[in-house]
Every structure is written in structure tokens, then in C-alpha cells.
Protein backbone atom coordinates (compact mmCIF):
# COMPACT_ATOMS: atom_id res chain seq x y z
CA MET A 1 -80.74 -114.55 -20.98
CA ILE A 2 -79.47 -115.53 -24.14
CA LYS A 3 -78.66 -112.13 -25.14
CA ASN A 4 -76.17 -112.09 -21.89
CA ILE A 5 -74.49 -115.53 -23.11
CA ILE A 6 -73.64 -114.07 -26.86
CA GLU A 7 -72.50 -110.97 -25.12
CA ASN A 8 -69.45 -112.84 -22.95
CA LEU A 9 -68.49 -115.07 -25.65
CA PRO A 10 -65.17 -114.47 -27.40
CA GLY A 11 -67.34 -113.65 -31.01
CA PHE A 12 -64.54 -115.46 -33.16
CA ASN A 13 -67.23 -117.82 -34.83
CA CYS A 14 -63.95 -120.37 -34.97
CA GLY A 15 -66.13 -123.48 -35.05
CA VAL A 16 -63.48 -125.23 -32.21
CA CYS A 17 -66.57 -125.48 -30.38
CA GLY A 18 -68.47 -127.50 -33.02
CA PHE A 19 -70.90 -124.52 -33.89
CA THR A 20 -70.59 -122.44 -37.03
CA LYS A 21 -71.62 -119.46 -34.92
CA CYS A 22 -71.32 -118.29 -31.27
CA GLU A 23 -74.46 -117.45 -31.21
CA GLU A 24 -75.11 -121.26 -32.26
CA PHE A 25 -72.95 -121.98 -29.25
CA ALA A 26 -75.18 -120.13 -27.07
CA ASP A 27 -78.50 -121.78 -28.17
CA ALA A 28 -76.74 -125.06 -27.52
CA LEU A 29 -75.71 -123.92 -24.13
CA LEU A 30 -79.27 -123.28 -22.91
CA ASN A 31 -80.95 -126.25 -24.10
CA SER A 32 -78.45 -128.11 -22.85
CA THR A 33 -77.04 -129.78 -25.79
CA THR A 34 -73.02 -128.84 -25.01
CA GLU A 35 -70.85 -127.58 -22.29
CA LEU A 36 -69.05 -124.49 -21.94
CA ASN A 37 -65.51 -126.27 -22.04
CA ASN A 38 -65.80 -126.82 -25.38
CA CYS A 39 -65.12 -123.10 -25.87
CA THR A 40 -61.42 -123.76 -25.45
CA ILE A 41 -60.58 -119.63 -26.57
CA LEU A 42 -62.60 -118.72 -22.99
CA PHE A 43 -60.03 -120.66 -20.97
CA GLN A 44 -57.76 -117.81 -21.82
CA GLU A 45 -56.43 -115.60 -19.48
CA ARG A 46 -58.39 -112.29 -20.90
CA PHE A 47 -61.56 -114.29 -21.13
CA ALA A 48 -61.33 -115.54 -16.90
CA ASN A 49 -64.28 -112.74 -16.46
CA ASN A 50 -66.36 -113.34 -18.92
CA ARG A 51 -65.96 -117.57 -18.23
CA ASN A 52 -67.16 -117.03 -14.77
CA THR A 53 -69.98 -114.51 -15.73
CA LEU A 54 -71.25 -117.47 -17.97
CA ASN A 55 -70.61 -120.27 -15.19
CA GLU A 56 -73.20 -117.81 -12.80
CA TYR A 57 -75.98 -117.62 -15.50
CA LEU A 58 -75.80 -121.25 -16.51
CA LYS A 59 -75.80 -121.82 -13.00
CA VAL A 60 -79.16 -120.13 -12.67
CA LYS A 61 -80.24 -121.88 -16.02
CA HIS A 62 -79.11 -125.42 -14.24
CA CYS A 63 -81.18 -124.74 -10.61
CA VAL A 64 -84.59 -124.15 -12.50
CA ASP A 65 -85.41 -127.26 -13.79
CA VAL A 66 -88.42 -129.05 -11.72
CA PRO A 67 -87.87 -131.69 -9.99
CA ASN A 68 -88.73 -134.95 -10.04
CA GLU A 69 -90.83 -135.54 -6.58
CA ASN A 70 -93.55 -132.68 -4.37
CA ILE A 71 -91.80 -130.33 -2.67
CA TYR A 72 -92.38 -130.85 1.25
CA GLY A 73 -91.97 -128.96 4.13
CA LEU A 74 -89.54 -130.64 7.11
CA VAL A 75 -91.26 -129.27 10.23
CA ASP A 76 -94.95 -128.64 8.47
CA LYS A 77 -95.16 -131.31 5.45
CA TYR A 78 -96.78 -128.48 3.80
CA GLU A 79 -96.27 -129.03 -0.04
CA ALA A 80 -94.70 -126.01 -1.57
CA ASP A 81 -95.13 -124.64 -4.85
CA PHE A 82 -91.36 -124.38 -5.79
CA ILE A 83 -87.84 -123.79 -4.05
CA LEU A 84 -86.21 -120.61 -3.63
CA GLU A 85 -82.73 -120.36 -4.73
CA PRO A 86 -80.52 -117.40 -3.93
CA LEU A 87 -79.82 -114.97 -6.64
CA PRO A 88 -76.04 -115.73 -8.20
CA CYS A 89 -72.90 -115.17 -6.53
CA GLU A 90 -75.21 -115.19 -2.88
CA HIS A 91 -75.53 -117.39 -0.15
CA SER A 92 -79.09 -117.08 0.56
CA CYS A 93 -82.30 -115.79 -0.61
CA ARG A 94 -82.57 -111.82 0.07
CA GLU A 95 -85.49 -111.05 2.72
CA THR A 96 -86.68 -107.57 3.33
CA LEU A 97 -87.11 -106.90 6.91
CA TYR A 98 -89.50 -103.88 8.77
CA PRO A 99 -87.42 -103.81 11.90
CA PHE A 100 -89.08 -102.96 15.37
CA SER A 101 -85.75 -102.24 17.14
CA LYS A 102 -84.76 -97.90 16.79
CA GLU A 103 -81.47 -98.64 16.46
CA GLU A 104 -79.84 -97.15 13.74
CA ILE A 105 -79.00 -99.92 11.04
CA ASN A 106 -77.04 -98.79 7.61
CA THR A 107 -75.94 -101.17 4.70
CA GLY A 108 -73.17 -103.32 5.81
CA ASP A 109 -74.19 -103.56 8.76
CA ILE A 110 -73.89 -107.39 10.58
CA ILE A 111 -77.44 -108.13 12.37
CA ARG A 112 -78.84 -110.46 14.66
CA TYR A 113 -82.83 -110.42 14.95
CA ARG A 114 -85.87 -112.98 15.11
CA PRO A 115 -88.17 -113.03 12.35
CA LEU A 116 -91.38 -113.28 13.90
CA ALA A 117 -93.67 -116.42 13.95
CA CYS A 118 -90.23 -117.78 14.20
CA PRO A 119 -88.06 -119.40 16.76
CA MET A 120 -85.14 -119.06 14.89
CA ILE A 121 -81.94 -116.79 15.29
CA HIS A 122 -80.87 -115.44 12.10
CA PHE A 123 -77.66 -113.63 11.61
CA ALA A 124 -77.69 -111.25 8.57
CA LYS A 125 -75.40 -108.86 6.69
CA VAL A 126 -77.52 -105.54 5.84
CA LEU A 127 -77.49 -104.90 1.64
CA ASN A 128 -79.76 -102.04 1.68
CA ALA A 129 -80.98 -99.73 4.41
CA GLU A 130 -83.65 -97.22 3.24
CA LYS A 131 -87.04 -95.56 4.88
CA GLY A 132 -87.26 -97.76 7.66
CA LEU A 133 -87.17 -101.53 5.64
CA ILE A 134 -83.78 -103.14 5.18
CA THR A 135 -82.21 -106.15 2.77
CA VAL A 136 -80.14 -108.69 4.04
CA SER A 137 -78.53 -112.30 3.06
CA MET A 138 -77.78 -114.84 5.80
CA ILE A 139 -74.55 -115.26 6.57
CA GLY A 140 -74.76 -118.24 9.38
CA PRO A 141 -76.01 -119.11 12.50
CA CYS A 142 -73.64 -117.92 15.64
CA ASN A 143 -71.29 -120.78 15.25
CA ARG A 144 -69.93 -119.51 11.71
CA LEU A 145 -69.07 -116.03 13.26
CA ASP A 146 -66.03 -115.07 14.65
CA GLY A 147 -65.75 -114.01 18.40
CA ASN A 148 -64.31 -110.36 16.76
CA THR A 149 -67.31 -109.74 14.49
CA ASP A 150 -69.38 -106.79 15.34
CA ILE A 151 -72.84 -107.77 15.93
CA LYS A 152 -76.45 -105.47 16.30
CA ASP A 153 -79.23 -106.87 18.18
CA VAL A 154 -82.23 -105.41 16.57
CA GLY A 155 -84.73 -107.65 17.98
CA VAL A 156 -88.25 -109.24 16.43
CA CYS A 157 -88.52 -108.51 12.74
CA MET A 158 -91.36 -108.58 10.30
CA VAL A 159 -90.17 -110.25 6.75
CA GLY A 160 -91.77 -108.15 4.19
CA GLY A 161 -90.44 -110.03 0.74
CA PHE A 162 -88.28 -112.99 -0.56
CA GLU A 163 -86.25 -112.45 -3.46
CA GLY A 164 -84.62 -115.31 -5.44
CA ILE A 165 -84.37 -117.63 -8.30
CA ILE A 166 -87.16 -119.88 -8.78
CA LYS A 167 -86.72 -123.58 -8.66
CA GLY A 168 -89.61 -125.43 -10.19
CA LYS A 169 -93.00 -124.51 -11.69
CA LEU A 170 -92.96 -120.75 -12.92
CA PRO A 171 -95.84 -119.00 -10.69
CA GLN A 172 -97.65 -115.38 -12.93
CA VAL A 173 -97.64 -112.02 -10.98
CA CYS A 174 -99.92 -111.72 -8.22
CA ASP A 175 -100.25 -115.21 -7.73
CA THR A 176 -100.00 -116.23 -3.88
CA VAL A 177 -97.54 -119.28 -3.57
CA ARG A 178 -96.05 -121.61 -1.42
CA PHE A 179 -92.46 -121.81 -1.61
CA LEU A 180 -89.31 -123.41 0.26
CA PRO A 181 -86.36 -121.15 0.76
CA SER A 182 -83.19 -123.15 0.53
CA HIS A 183 -81.66 -121.36 3.27
CA CYS A 184 -84.60 -121.85 5.74
CA MET A 185 -82.73 -123.56 8.87
CA MET A 186 -86.02 -125.23 9.76
CA GLN A 187 -87.12 -125.76 6.43
CA LYS A 188 -90.97 -124.50 6.39
CA VAL A 189 -93.05 -123.75 3.88
CA HIS A 190 -93.69 -119.55 3.50
CA SER A 191 -96.16 -118.23 1.45
CA GLY A 192 -96.87 -114.59 -0.26
CA VAL A 193 -97.72 -113.69 -3.23
CA VAL A 194 -95.85 -112.51 -6.20
CA VAL A 195 -95.35 -108.99 -7.22
CA GLN A 196 -92.19 -109.24 -9.50
CA LEU A 197 -90.94 -111.74 -12.19
CA GLU A 198 -88.44 -111.41 -14.61
CA ASN A 199 -87.73 -114.87 -16.16
CA ARG A 200 -86.99 -117.29 -12.76
CA LYS A 201 -85.83 -113.88 -11.00
CA VAL A 202 -89.42 -113.45 -8.38
CA ILE A 203 -89.84 -110.76 -5.48
CA ILE A 204 -92.86 -112.70 -3.05
CA GLU A 205 -93.81 -109.83 -0.79
CA GLY A 206 -96.66 -110.62 1.93
CA ILE A 207 -94.93 -113.20 3.62
CA HIS A 208 -96.84 -115.50 6.01
CA LEU A 209 -95.79 -118.21 8.17
CA ALA A 210 -99.27 -119.54 8.75
CA VAL A 211 -99.60 -121.44 5.59
CA TRP A 212 -103.30 -122.07 4.98
CA ALA A 213 -104.10 -125.73 2.46
CA PRO A 214 -105.02 -124.65 -0.92
CA PRO A 215 -108.58 -123.77 -1.78
CA VAL A 216 -110.86 -127.06 -2.98
CA LYS A 217 -111.07 -126.37 -7.12
CA ARG A 218 -114.64 -126.85 -8.14
CA ASP A 219 -116.55 -128.33 -11.29
């Protein structure tokens, strides 16, 4: 992440921020010992895009701090290992769906569906549709959609995977984890297996809503 931050700083090494070099300023940003506002050059119009990009990087950094208290589902009261937050600039974690409907689904479609084993109806925008799988991002319950929105009703779908940013303790690849998607309307703990982990960005597959108690550790 620090490389991305350095690349988006002006690179003038002017010292106005209180540091001799932009690299030192970037390191301080990651360690939360300074603020982005201390680089006044970033507020020039020509660096507007850089500033927005840096704000998103730092948003991810700040959202990964471990919560002070344990995380519990609202409905089932199970304890979760971490909260799953959306990717930068997105409103919800991404879900990979296996639709049972034979209706044609394309990228950009707005769909209405119910995840298997979930009583809640979801509305989502299709980000990718390929080889029978669709990747979606939630856009609300129905009361957030206007009457002119063209919605495809695809019925029940199996949720195969989640993608997002971990807020809490980092797992390892192949770990079976219990997590709480931040956008879940029921705030129910989900379980799955970590198949990809890059910094705090994670892909979890084998999703299940029937969350079992963790195994008892034996001496």
C-alpha cells in the first residue's frame, strides 16, 4: 500500500508537511501519525484525482483496525471473526451468485433475488456475468429504487462467495472463518473458506448460513 501512496503524492519533497521527503510523509500516513491535509499541495486542482485516490487508500487502512469488542450477529448471536467491509468506492461487499433461473443475465442488469437459506429479498447490480456465475453489489432494498428501474426477477440464488475488506483480525488462506457482512440486512454471521488474501482484501468461498460452533481446543 505504501508504494501506491507514494505514487499519488506530489513528489516535490518540499517539507511543508513537516517531513523531509514524501516517502517519510507516506509512512507517517500509514502509521496514523499525520494527516493528508498536511500536504497543502494536494489541494491544488491538478492533484484532485490524486487526493481522491489517497483518501480511498487511507479509508481502507483505517477501516481495518480491530474492534475493541467482540463481534456478534444480531439474529443468531454467534460470534464472528471479523466484519467484511466493501471494496473502496463500493457500497457493499461483492457477492458471487449461482442463479437457478434460466433467464439471461448481463453485466449492468438490476436483479431481484433471494439467497438460498436467507428470508430477505435482495436487489443488486450485476458487475460481471460469465459462465453461469454472476458477481453483484447490493443497491438497496426495494424502497430505494424508483418505479422506472427495470428489474429482472431471478428467484432463488446460491451465494458462492464474498469479496471485500477485512475489518478485524486477519485470517490465513484456507482458514474456515465466521464473518459478518457489513451490508447484511439481518446482521447474520456467515461462514466460508478464505481462498485469496491480499493485504486486507479477501475472497471467501463455500458460503454457508448454518454457522457451527468452533471446535473445542484440546491440550
